Amino acid sequence: MKSLWKYLGSALLMVAMFAPLGFAAQDHDQDHDRDHKQVRVYDKEHHQYRTWDDNEDRAYRQWVGERHLKYREYNHLNAKQQREYWEWREQHHGDQDRDHDHH
């Protein structure tokens, strides 16, 4: 009986020691997923959601540069400027590098 308690005590001690490592790994995965959420914007003119990823950001920065505009985040543009951007995007890049969830 004494050896059973010794065994259970050792097992509980090991669980207590390694449990925090499992939780830390799980938290890291959740942080990683949170950092890589897809950002989607709605293109009112074409009635589509667009994925705003690195490719879209590069295209947007190109559009800003071609117009000699001061950089502002897309969501800070007014509706007219957003429409102008998507028109330019359609003309210059077609349907590549974006998702199209028609709604």
PDB file of N, CA and C in Angstrom:
ATOM      1  N   MET A   1       0.824  -1.193   0.000  1.00  0.00           N
ATOM      2  CA  MET A   1       0.000   0.000   0.000  1.00  0.00           C
ATOM      3  C   MET A   1       0.862   1.248   0.000  1.00  0.00           C
ATOM      4  N   LYS A   2       1.965   1.161   0.731  1.00  0.00           N
ATOM      5  CA  LYS A   2       2.857   2.311   0.808  1.00  0.00           C
ATOM      6  C   LYS A   2       3.440   2.650  -0.570  1.00  0.00           C
ATOM      7  N   SER A   3       3.757   1.616  -1.359  1.00  0.00           N
ATOM      8  CA  SER A   3       4.319   1.864  -2.692  1.00  0.00           C
ATOM      9  C   SER A   3       3.273   2.460  -3.628  1.00  0.00           C
ATOM     10  N   LEU A   4       1.994   2.120  -3.431  1.00  0.00           N
ATOM     11  CA  LEU A   4       0.930   2.699  -4.248  1.00  0.00           C
ATOM     12  C   LEU A   4       0.837   4.208  -4.015  1.00  0.00           C
ATOM     13  N   TRP A   5       0.888   4.630  -2.767  1.00  0.00           N
ATOM     14  CA  TRP A   5       0.844   6.051  -2.445  1.00  0.00           C
ATOM     15  C   TRP A   5       2.076   6.769  -2.998  1.00  0.00           C
ATOM     16  N   LYS A   6       3.204   6.100  -2.934  1.00  0.00           N
ATOM     17  CA  LYS A   6       4.432   6.672  -3.467  1.00  0.00           C
ATOM     18  C   LYS A   6       4.298   6.874  -4.982  1.00  0.00           C
ATOM     19  N   TYR A   7       3.750   5.873  -5.669  1.00  0.00           N
ATOM     20  CA  TYR A   7       3.545   5.927  -7.111  1.00  0.00           C
ATOM     21  C   TYR A   7       2.556   7.038  -7.475  1.00  0.00           C
ATOM     22  N   LEU A   8       1.418   7.090  -6.781  1.00  0.00           N
ATOM     23  CA  LEU A   8       0.415   8.131  -7.048  1.00  0.00           C
ATOM     24  C   LEU A   8       0.965   9.526  -6.761  1.00  0.00           C
ATOM     25  N   GLY A   9       1.730   9.648  -5.708  1.00  0.00           N
ATOM     26  CA  GLY A   9       2.337  10.942  -5.377  1.00  0.00           C
ATOM     27  C   GLY A   9       3.290  11.394  -6.480  1.00  0.00           C
ATOM     28  N   SER A  10       4.090  10.469  -6.985  1.00  0.00           N
ATOM     29  CA  SER A  10       5.017  10.797  -8.074  1.00  0.00           C
ATOM     30  C   SER A  10       4.262  11.188  -9.335  1.00  0.00           C
ATOM     31  N   ALA A  11       3.199  10.443  -9.636  1.00  0.00           N
ATOM     32  CA  ALA A  11       2.407  10.737 -10.829  1.00  0.00           C
ATOM     33  C   ALA A  11       1.758  12.121 -10.718  1.00  0.00           C
ATOM     34  N   LEU A  12       1.196  12.424  -9.569  1.00  0.00           N
ATOM     35  CA  LEU A  12       0.567  13.739  -9.367  1.00  0.00           C
ATOM     36  C   LEU A  12       1.597  14.869  -9.445  1.00  0.00           C
ATOM     37  N   LEU A  13       2.762  14.621  -8.910  1.00  0.00           N
ATOM     38  CA  LEU A  13       3.822  15.622  -8.979  1.00  0.00           C
ATOM     39  C   LEU A  13       4.219  15.893 -10.425  1.00  0.00           C
ATOM     40  N   MET A  14       4.337  14.845 -11.227  1.00  0.00           N
ATOM     41  CA  MET A  14       4.700  15.020 -12.643  1.00  0.00           C
ATOM     42  C   MET A  14       3.613  15.769 -13.400  1.00  0.00           C
ATOM     43  N   VAL A  15       2.354  15.435 -13.140  1.00  0.00           N
ATOM     44  CA  VAL A  15       1.238  16.135 -13.786  1.00  0.00           C
ATOM     45  C   VAL A  15       1.277  17.612 -13.417  1.00  0.00           C
ATOM     46  N   ALA A  16       1.492  17.898 -12.159  1.00  0.00           N
ATOM     47  CA  ALA A  16       1.541  19.284 -11.693  1.00  0.00           C
ATOM     48  C   ALA A  16       2.702  20.046 -12.327  1.00  0.00           C
ATOM     49  N   MET A  17       3.807  19.350 -12.550  1.00  0.00           N
ATOM     50  CA  MET A  17       4.982  20.016 -13.125  1.00  0.00           C
ATOM     51  C   MET A  17       4.811  20.293 -14.620  1.00  0.00           C
ATOM     52  N   PHE A  18       4.184  19.363 -15.358  1.00  0.00           N
ATOM     53  CA  PHE A  18       4.117  19.498 -16.810  1.00  0.00           C
ATOM     54  C   PHE A  18       2.822  20.105 -17.334  1.00  0.00           C
ATOM     55  N   ALA A  19       1.809  20.197 -16.538  1.00  0.00           N
ATOM     56  CA  ALA A  19       0.544  20.783 -16.981  1.00  0.00           C
ATOM     57  C   ALA A  19       0.709  22.230 -17.463  1.00  0.00           C
ATOM     58  N   PRO A  20       1.452  23.078 -16.747  1.00  0.00           N
ATOM     59  CA  PRO A  20       1.601  24.449 -17.234  1.00  0.00           C
ATOM     60  C   PRO A  20       2.247  24.524 -18.617  1.00  0.00           C
ATOM     61  N   LEU A  21       3.101  23.606 -18.962  1.00  0.00           N
ATOM     62  CA  LEU A  21       3.720  23.613 -20.291  1.00  0.00           C
ATOM     63  C   LEU A  21       2.684  23.381 -21.374  1.00  0.00           C
ATOM     64  N   GLY A  22       1.750  22.489 -21.120  1.00  0.00           N
ATOM     65  CA  GLY A  22       0.680  22.235 -22.085  1.00  0.00           C
ATOM     66  C   GLY A  22      -0.207  23.444 -22.267  1.00  0.00           C
ATOM     67  N   PHE A  23      -0.536  24.117 -21.187  1.00  0.00           N
ATOM     68  CA  PHE A  23      -1.358  25.325 -21.281  1.00  0.00           C
ATOM     69  C   PHE A  23      -0.624  26.442 -22.001  1.00  0.00           C
ATOM     70  N   ALA A  24       0.660  26.573 -21.769  1.00  0.00           N
ATOM     71  CA  ALA A  24       1.443  27.615 -22.440  1.00  0.00           C
ATOM     72  C   ALA A  24       1.477  27.379 -23.933  1.00  0.00           C
ATOM     73  N   ALA A  25       1.622  26.135 -24.358  1.00  0.00           N
ATOM     74  CA  ALA A  25       1.633  25.827 -25.792  1.00  0.00           C
ATOM     75  C   ALA A  25       0.275  26.136 -26.399  1.00  0.00           C
ATOM     76  N   GLN A  26      -0.789  25.825 -25.691  1.00  0.00           N
ATOM     77  CA  GLN A  26      -2.126  26.103 -26.194  1.00  0.00           C
ATOM     78  C   GLN A  26      -2.336  27.612 -26.313  1.00  0.00           C
ATOM     79  N   ASP A  27      -1.935  28.390 -25.336  1.00  0.00           N
ATOM     80  CA  ASP A  27      -2.065  29.842 -25.389  1.00  0.00           C
ATOM     81  C   ASP A  27      -1.271  30.410 -26.554  1.00  0.00           C
ATOM     82  N   HIS A  28      -0.085  29.885 -26.810  1.00  0.00           N
ATOM     83  CA  HIS A  28       0.731  30.365 -27.923  1.00  0.00           C
ATOM     84  C   HIS A  28       0.008  30.149 -29.247  1.00  0.00           C
ATOM     85  N   ASP A  29      -0.616  28.971 -29.414  1.00  0.00           N
ATOM     86  CA  ASP A  29      -1.350  28.697 -30.647  1.00  0.00           C
ATOM     87  C   ASP A  29      -2.511  29.675 -30.810  1.00  0.00           C
ATOM     88  N   GLN A  30      -3.208  29.975 -29.723  1.00  0.00           N
ATOM     89  CA  GLN A  30      -4.318  30.914 -29.811  1.00  0.00           C
ATOM     90  C   GLN A  30      -3.830  32.302 -30.158  1.00  0.00           C
ATOM     91  N   ASP A  31      -2.699  32.725 -29.595  1.00  0.00           N
ATOM     92  CA  ASP A  31      -2.128  34.030 -29.933  1.00  0.00           C
ATOM     93  C   ASP A  31      -1.746  34.069 -31.399  1.00  0.00           C
ATOM     94  N   HIS A  32      -1.152  32.987 -31.890  1.00  0.00           N
ATOM     95  CA  HIS A  32      -0.746  32.921 -33.296  1.00  0.00           C
ATOM     96  C   HIS A  32      -1.974  33.059 -34.205  1.00  0.00           C
ATOM     97  N   ASP A  33      -3.058  32.355 -33.879  1.00  0.00           N
ATOM     98  CA  ASP A  33      -4.269  32.445 -34.675  1.00  0.00           C
ATOM     99  C   ASP A  33      -4.860  33.845 -34.613  1.00  0.00           C
ATOM    100  N   ARG A  34      -4.834  34.463 -33.454  1.00  0.00           N
ATOM    101  CA  ARG A  34      -5.390  35.799 -33.292  1.00  0.00           C
ATOM    102  C   ARG A  34      -4.600  36.808 -34.123  1.00  0.00           C
ATOM    103  N   ASP A  35      -3.275  36.638 -34.198  1.00  0.00           N
ATOM    104  CA  ASP A  35      -2.438  37.551 -34.967  1.00  0.00           C
ATOM    105  C   ASP A  35      -2.634  37.399 -36.466  1.00  0.00           C
ATOM    106  N   HIS A  36      -3.150  36.258 -36.917  1.00  0.00           N
ATOM    107  CA  HIS A  36      -3.268  36.003 -38.344  1.00  0.00           C
ATOM    108  C   HIS A  36      -4.718  35.891 -38.803  1.00  0.00           C
ATOM    109  N   LYS A  37      -5.609  36.581 -38.137  1.00  0.00           N
ATOM    110  CA  LYS A  37      -6.989  36.600 -38.587  1.00  0.00           C
ATOM    111  C   LYS A  37      -7.043  37.285 -39.942  1.00  0.00           C
ATOM    112  N   GLN A  38      -7.925  36.800 -40.760  1.00  0.00           N
ATOM    113  CA  GLN A  38      -8.089  37.437 -42.054  1.00  0.00           C
ATOM    114  C   GLN A  38      -8.929  38.690 -41.879  1.00  0.00           C
ATOM    115  N   VAL A  39      -8.476  39.742 -42.497  1.00  0.00           N
ATOM    116  CA  VAL A  39      -9.224  40.989 -42.497  1.00  0.00           C
ATOM    117  C   VAL A  39      -9.943  41.067 -43.826  1.00  0.00           C
ATOM    118  N   ARG A  40     -11.225  41.314 -43.749  1.00  0.00           N
ATOM    119  CA  ARG A  40     -12.004  41.409 -44.979  1.00  0.00           C
ATOM    120  C   ARG A  40     -12.666  42.769 -45.047  1.00  0.00           C
ATOM    121  N   VAL A  41     -12.726  43.306 -46.250  1.00  0.00           N
ATOM    122  CA  VAL A  41     -13.394  44.581 -46.477  1.00  0.00           C
ATOM    123  C   VAL A  41     -14.455  44.362 -47.550  1.00  0.00           C
ATOM    124  N   TYR A  42     -15.470  45.191 -47.501  1.00  0.00           N
ATOM    125  CA  TYR A  42     -16.566  45.051 -48.460  1.00  0.00           C
ATOM    126  C   TYR A  42     -16.394  46.067 -49.568  1.00  0.00           C
ATOM    127  N   ASP A  43     -16.416  45.584 -50.804  1.00  0.00           N
ATOM    128  CA  ASP A  43     -16.365  46.424 -52.000  1.00  0.00           C
ATOM    129  C   ASP A  43     -17.814  46.674 -52.417  1.00  0.00           C
ATOM    130  N   LYS A  44     -18.332  47.859 -52.062  1.00  0.00           N
ATOM    131  CA  LYS A  44     -19.741  48.164 -52.310  1.00  0.00           C
ATOM    132  C   LYS A  44     -20.070  48.176 -53.798  1.00  0.00           C
ATOM    133  N   GLU A  45     -19.157  48.684 -54.600  1.00  0.00           N
ATOM    134  CA  GLU A  45     -19.382  48.808 -56.042  1.00  0.00           C
ATOM    135  C   GLU A  45     -19.570  47.447 -56.713  1.00  0.00           C
ATOM    136  N   HIS A  46     -18.773  46.476 -56.284  1.00  0.00           N
ATOM    137  CA  HIS A  46     -18.825  45.149 -56.906  1.00  0.00           C
ATOM    138  C   HIS A  46     -19.558  44.126 -56.029  1.00  0.00           C
ATOM    139  N   HIS A  47     -20.087  44.583 -54.900  1.00  0.00           N
ATOM    140  CA  HIS A  47     -20.859  43.741 -53.982  1.00  0.00           C
ATOM    141  C   HIS A  47     -20.099  42.467 -53.597  1.00  0.00           C
ATOM    142  N   GLN A  48     -18.862  42.664 -53.162  1.00  0.00           N
ATOM    143  CA  GLN A  48     -18.001  41.536 -52.813  1.00  0.00           C
ATOM    144  C   GLN A  48     -17.202  41.847 -51.561  1.00  0.00           C
ATOM    145  N   TYR A  49     -16.949  40.795 -50.807  1.00  0.00           N
ATOM    146  CA  TYR A  49     -15.986  40.909 -49.718  1.00  0.00           C
ATOM    147  C   TYR A  49     -14.608  40.605 -50.299  1.00  0.00           C
ATOM    148  N   ARG A  50     -13.625  41.355 -49.879  1.00  0.00           N
ATOM    149  CA  ARG A  50     -12.249  41.157 -50.328  1.00  0.00           C
ATOM    150  C   ARG A  50     -11.376  40.864 -49.120  1.00  0.00           C
ATOM    151  N   THR A  51     -10.453  39.945 -49.293  1.00  0.00           N
ATOM    152  CA  THR A  51      -9.499  39.647 -48.238  1.00  0.00           C
ATOM    153  C   THR A  51      -8.386  40.678 -48.299  1.00  0.00           C
ATOM    154  N   TRP A  52      -8.146  41.350 -47.180  1.00  0.00           N
ATOM    155  CA  TRP A  52      -7.073  42.338 -47.114  1.00  0.00           C
ATOM    156  C   TRP A  52      -5.846  41.645 -46.547  1.00  0.00           C
ATOM    157  N   ASP A  53      -4.956  41.238 -47.426  1.00  0.00           N
ATOM    158  CA  ASP A  53      -3.751  40.527 -47.030  1.00  0.00           C
ATOM    159  C   ASP A  53      -2.535  41.310 -47.513  1.00  0.00           C
ATOM    160  N   ASP A  54      -1.363  40.699 -47.480  1.00  0.00           N
ATOM    161  CA  ASP A  54      -0.142  41.386 -47.908  1.00  0.00           C
ATOM    162  C   ASP A  54      -0.212  41.807 -49.373  1.00  0.00           C
ATOM    163  N   ASN A  55      -0.806  40.976 -50.221  1.00  0.00           N
ATOM    164  CA  ASN A  55      -0.924  41.333 -51.643  1.00  0.00           C
ATOM    165  C   ASN A  55      -1.815  42.550 -51.832  1.00  0.00           C
ATOM    166  N   GLU A  56      -2.915  42.571 -51.101  1.00  0.00           N
ATOM    167  CA  GLU A  56      -3.832  43.711 -51.227  1.00  0.00           C
ATOM    168  C   GLU A  56      -3.184  44.972 -50.685  1.00  0.00           C
ATOM    169  N   ASP A  57      -2.438  44.840 -49.610  1.00  0.00           N
ATOM    170  CA  ASP A  57      -1.759  45.997 -49.033  1.00  0.00           C
ATOM    171  C   ASP A  57      -0.729  46.563 -50.010  1.00  0.00           C
ATOM    172  N   ARG A  58       0.011  45.680 -50.699  1.00  0.00           N
ATOM    173  CA  ARG A  58       0.980  46.144 -51.701  1.00  0.00           C
ATOM    174  C   ARG A  58       0.291  46.881 -52.835  1.00  0.00           C
ATOM    175  N   ALA A  59      -0.824  46.315 -53.301  1.00  0.00           N
ATOM    176  CA  ALA A  59      -1.572  46.956 -54.384  1.00  0.00           C
ATOM    177  C   ALA A  59      -2.095  48.319 -53.931  1.00  0.00           C
ATOM    178  N   TYR A  60      -2.610  48.375 -52.715  1.00  0.00           N
ATOM    179  CA  TYR A  60      -3.134  49.637 -52.189  1.00  0.00           C
ATOM    180  C   TYR A  60      -2.025  50.690 -52.096  1.00  0.00           C
ATOM    181  N   ARG A  61      -0.865  50.278 -51.606  1.00  0.00           N
ATOM    182  CA  ARG A  61       0.256  51.223 -51.509  1.00  0.00           C
ATOM    183  C   ARG A  61       0.699  51.697 -52.891  1.00  0.00           C
ATOM    184  N   GLN A  62       0.618  50.809 -53.882  1.00  0.00           N
ATOM    185  CA  GLN A  62       0.940  51.214 -55.253  1.00  0.00           C
ATOM    186  C   GLN A  62      -0.056  52.265 -55.729  1.00  0.00           C
ATOM    187  N   TRP A  63      -1.333  52.040 -55.463  1.00  0.00           N
ATOM    188  CA  TRP A  63      -2.381  52.988 -55.844  1.00  0.00           C
ATOM    189  C   TRP A  63      -2.141  54.348 -55.182  1.00  0.00           C
ATOM    190  N   VAL A  64      -1.825  54.336 -53.890  1.00  0.00           N
ATOM    191  CA  VAL A  64      -1.549  55.576 -53.159  1.00  0.00           C
ATOM    192  C   VAL A  64      -0.360  56.298 -53.795  1.00  0.00           C
ATOM    193  N   GLY A  65       0.707  55.559 -54.106  1.00  0.00           N
ATOM    194  CA  GLY A  65       1.911  56.152 -54.695  1.00  0.00           C
ATOM    195  C   GLY A  65       1.660  56.735 -56.068  1.00  0.00           C
ATOM    196  N   GLU A  66       0.911  56.028 -56.898  1.00  0.00           N
ATOM    197  CA  GLU A  66       0.611  56.526 -58.242  1.00  0.00           C
ATOM    198  C   GLU A  66      -0.187  57.825 -58.199  1.00  0.00           C
ATOM    199  N   ARG A  67      -0.956  58.010 -57.173  1.00  0.00           N
ATOM    200  CA  ARG A  67      -1.769  59.222 -57.037  1.00  0.00           C
ATOM    201  C   ARG A  67      -1.088  60.293 -56.197  1.00  0.00           C
ATOM    202  N   HIS A  68       0.102  59.993 -55.738  1.00  0.00           N
ATOM    203  CA  HIS A  68       0.881  60.932 -54.915  1.00  0.00           C
ATOM    204  C   HIS A  68       0.086  61.381 -53.688  1.00  0.00           C
ATOM    205  N   LEU A  69      -0.622  60.435 -53.116  1.00  0.00           N
ATOM    206  CA  LEU A  69      -1.405  60.714 -51.915  1.00  0.00           C
ATOM    207  C   LEU A  69      -0.576  60.408 -50.685  1.00  0.00           C
ATOM    208  N   LYS A  70      -0.912  61.059 -49.595  1.00  0.00           N
ATOM    209  CA  LYS A  70      -0.314  60.708 -48.309  1.00  0.00           C
ATOM    210  C   LYS A  70      -0.957  59.399 -47.861  1.00  0.00           C
ATOM    211  N   TYR A  71      -0.141  58.442 -47.418  1.00  0.00           N
ATOM    212  CA  TYR A  71      -0.672  57.143 -47.023  1.00  0.00           C
ATOM    213  C   TYR A  71      -1.633  57.283 -45.854  1.00  0.00           C
ATOM    214  N   ARG A  72      -2.791  56.683 -46.019  1.00  0.00           N
ATOM    215  CA  ARG A  72      -3.779  56.529 -44.947  1.00  0.00           C
ATOM    216  C   ARG A  72      -4.312  55.117 -45.047  1.00  0.00           C
ATOM    217  N   GLU A  73      -4.630  54.537 -43.918  1.00  0.00           N
ATOM    218  CA  GLU A  73      -5.206  53.200 -43.956  1.00  0.00           C
ATOM    219  C   GLU A  73      -6.493  53.230 -44.768  1.00  0.00           C
ATOM    220  N   TYR A  74      -6.725  52.130 -45.467  1.00  0.00           N
ATOM    221  CA  TYR A  74      -7.892  52.031 -46.346  1.00  0.00           C
ATOM    222  C   TYR A  74      -9.184  52.396 -45.626  1.00  0.00           C
ATOM    223  N   ASN A  75      -9.351  51.901 -44.410  1.00  0.00           N
ATOM    224  CA  ASN A  75     -10.612  52.144 -43.696  1.00  0.00           C
ATOM    225  C   ASN A  75     -10.791  53.606 -43.294  1.00  0.00           C
ATOM    226  N   HIS A  76      -9.772  54.439 -43.504  1.00  0.00           N
ATOM    227  CA  HIS A  76      -9.911  55.870 -43.224  1.00  0.00           C
ATOM    228  C   HIS A  76     -10.232  56.676 -44.481  1.00  0.00           C
ATOM    229  N   LEU A  77     -10.316  56.007 -45.628  1.00  0.00           N
ATOM    230  CA  LEU A  77     -10.700  56.691 -46.857  1.00  0.00           C
ATOM    231  C   LEU A  77     -12.207  56.928 -46.851  1.00  0.00           C
ATOM    232  N   ASN A  78     -12.631  57.977 -47.561  1.00  0.00           N
ATOM    233  CA  ASN A  78     -14.069  58.181 -47.694  1.00  0.00           C
ATOM    234  C   ASN A  78     -14.606  57.216 -48.759  1.00  0.00           C
ATOM    235  N   ALA A  79     -15.926  57.137 -48.886  1.00  0.00           N
ATOM    236  CA  ALA A  79     -16.556  56.168 -49.793  1.00  0.00           C
ATOM    237  C   ALA A  79     -16.109  56.369 -51.239  1.00  0.00           C
ATOM    238  N   LYS A  80     -15.945  57.605 -51.657  1.00  0.00           N
ATOM    239  CA  LYS A  80     -15.528  57.896 -53.038  1.00  0.00           C
ATOM    240  C   LYS A  80     -14.119  57.353 -53.290  1.00  0.00           C
ATOM    241  N   GLN A  81     -13.214  57.593 -52.363  1.00  0.00           N
ATOM    242  CA  GLN A  81     -11.840  57.112 -52.518  1.00  0.00           C
ATOM    243  C   GLN A  81     -11.795  55.578 -52.499  1.00  0.00           C
ATOM    244  N   GLN A  82     -12.588  54.941 -51.652  1.00  0.00           N
ATOM    245  CA  GLN A  82     -12.627  53.486 -51.629  1.00  0.00           C
ATOM    246  C   GLN A  82     -13.130  52.941 -52.964  1.00  0.00           C
ATOM    247  N   ARG A  83     -14.152  53.575 -53.521  1.00  0.00           N
ATOM    248  CA  ARG A  83     -14.682  53.182 -54.828  1.00  0.00           C
ATOM    249  C   ARG A  83     -13.608  53.322 -55.900  1.00  0.00           C
ATOM    250  N   GLU A  84     -12.879  54.443 -55.862  1.00  0.00           N
ATOM    251  CA  GLU A  84     -11.803  54.683 -56.833  1.00  0.00           C
ATOM    252  C   GLU A  84     -10.720  53.603 -56.716  1.00  0.00           C
ATOM    253  N   TYR A  85     -10.397  53.237 -55.486  1.00  0.00           N
ATOM    254  CA  TYR A  85      -9.382  52.208 -55.301  1.00  0.00           C
ATOM    255  C   TYR A  85      -9.836  50.905 -55.925  1.00  0.00           C
ATOM    256  N   TRP A  86     -11.069  50.448 -55.666  1.00  0.00           N
ATOM    257  CA  TRP A  86     -11.515  49.160 -56.195  1.00  0.00           C
ATOM    258  C   TRP A  86     -11.636  49.188 -57.703  1.00  0.00           C
ATOM    259  N   GLU A  87     -12.017  50.322 -58.268  1.00  0.00           N
ATOM    260  CA  GLU A  87     -12.039  50.434 -59.735  1.00  0.00           C
ATOM    261  C   GLU A  87     -10.632  50.262 -60.288  1.00  0.00           C
ATOM    262  N   TRP A  88      -9.668  50.951 -59.702  1.00  0.00           N
ATOM    263  CA  TRP A  88      -8.274  50.821 -60.123  1.00  0.00           C
ATOM    264  C   TRP A  88      -7.809  49.378 -59.946  1.00  0.00           C
ATOM    265  N   ARG A  89      -8.183  48.775 -58.829  1.00  0.00           N
ATOM    266  CA  ARG A  89      -7.760  47.404 -58.538  1.00  0.00           C
ATOM    267  C   ARG A  89      -8.295  46.442 -59.592  1.00  0.00           C
ATOM    268  N   GLU A  90      -9.541  46.606 -59.974  1.00  0.00           N
ATOM    269  CA  GLU A  90     -10.124  45.747 -61.005  1.00  0.00           C
ATOM    270  C   GLU A  90      -9.407  45.931 -62.343  1.00  0.00           C
ATOM    271  N   GLN A  91      -9.068  47.144 -62.684  1.00  0.00           N
ATOM    272  CA  GLN A  91      -8.415  47.424 -63.959  1.00  0.00           C
ATOM    273  C   GLN A  91      -6.976  46.933 -63.994  1.00  0.00           C
ATOM    274  N   HIS A  92      -6.283  47.015 -62.873  1.00  0.00           N
ATOM    275  CA  HIS A  92      -4.860  46.698 -62.856  1.00  0.00           C
ATOM    276  C   HIS A  92      -4.534  45.283 -62.426  1.00  0.00           C
ATOM    277  N   HIS A  93      -5.387  44.686 -61.675  1.00  0.00           N
ATOM    278  CA  HIS A  93      -5.054  43.374 -61.126  1.00  0.00           C
ATOM    279  C   HIS A  93      -6.141  42.337 -61.335  1.00  0.00           C
ATOM    280  N   GLY A  94      -7.235  42.706 -61.945  1.00  0.00           N
ATOM    281  CA  GLY A  94      -8.292  41.740 -62.207  1.00  0.00           C
ATOM    282  C   GLY A  94      -8.732  41.019 -60.956  1.00  0.00           C
ATOM    283  N   ASP A  95      -8.901  39.730 -61.084  1.00  0.00           N
ATOM    284  CA  ASP A  95      -9.413  38.936 -59.973  1.00  0.00           C
ATOM    285  C   ASP A  95      -8.321  38.194 -59.223  1.00  0.00           C
ATOM    286  N   GLN A  96      -7.075  38.437 -59.520  1.00  0.00           N
ATOM    287  CA  GLN A  96      -6.008  37.696 -58.845  1.00  0.00           C
ATOM    288  C   GLN A  96      -5.794  38.190 -57.432  1.00  0.00           C
ATOM    289  N   ASP A  97      -5.309  37.297 -56.598  1.00  0.00           N
ATOM    290  CA  ASP A  97      -4.895  37.602 -55.228  1.00  0.00           C
ATOM    291  C   ASP A  97      -6.018  38.025 -54.303  1.00  0.00           C
ATOM    292  N   ARG A  98      -7.266  37.713 -54.621  1.00  0.00           N
ATOM    293  CA  ARG A  98      -8.348  38.081 -53.712  1.00  0.00           C
ATOM    294  C   ARG A  98      -9.371  36.977 -53.658  1.00  0.00           C
ATOM    295  N   ASP A  99     -10.107  36.936 -52.559  1.00  0.00           N
ATOM    296  CA  ASP A  99     -11.232  35.996 -52.539  1.00  0.00           C
ATOM    297  C   ASP A  99     -12.443  36.758 -52.997  1.00  0.00           C
ATOM    298  N   HIS A 100     -13.420  36.045 -53.430  1.00  0.00           N
ATOM    299  CA  HIS A 100     -14.659  36.663 -53.890  1.00  0.00           C
ATOM    300  C   HIS A 100     -15.819  35.917 -53.264  1.00  0.00           C
ATOM    301  N   ASP A 101     -16.370  36.481 -52.243  1.00  0.00           N
ATOM    302  CA  ASP A 101     -17.566  35.926 -51.630  1.00  0.00           C
ATOM    303  C   ASP A 101     -18.714  36.797 -52.069  1.00  0.00           C
ATOM    304  N   HIS A 102     -19.367  36.404 -53.096  1.00  0.00           N
ATOM    305  CA  HIS A 102     -20.477  37.214 -53.631  1.00  0.00           C
ATOM    306  C   HIS A 102     -21.637  37.183 -52.662  1.00  0.00           C
ATOM    307  N   HIS A 103     -22.161  38.352 -52.341  1.00  0.00           N
ATOM    308  CA  HIS A 103     -23.318  38.456 -51.437  1.00  0.00           C
ATOM    309  C   HIS A 103     -24.339  39.333 -52.071  1.00  0.00           C
TER     310      HIS A 103
END
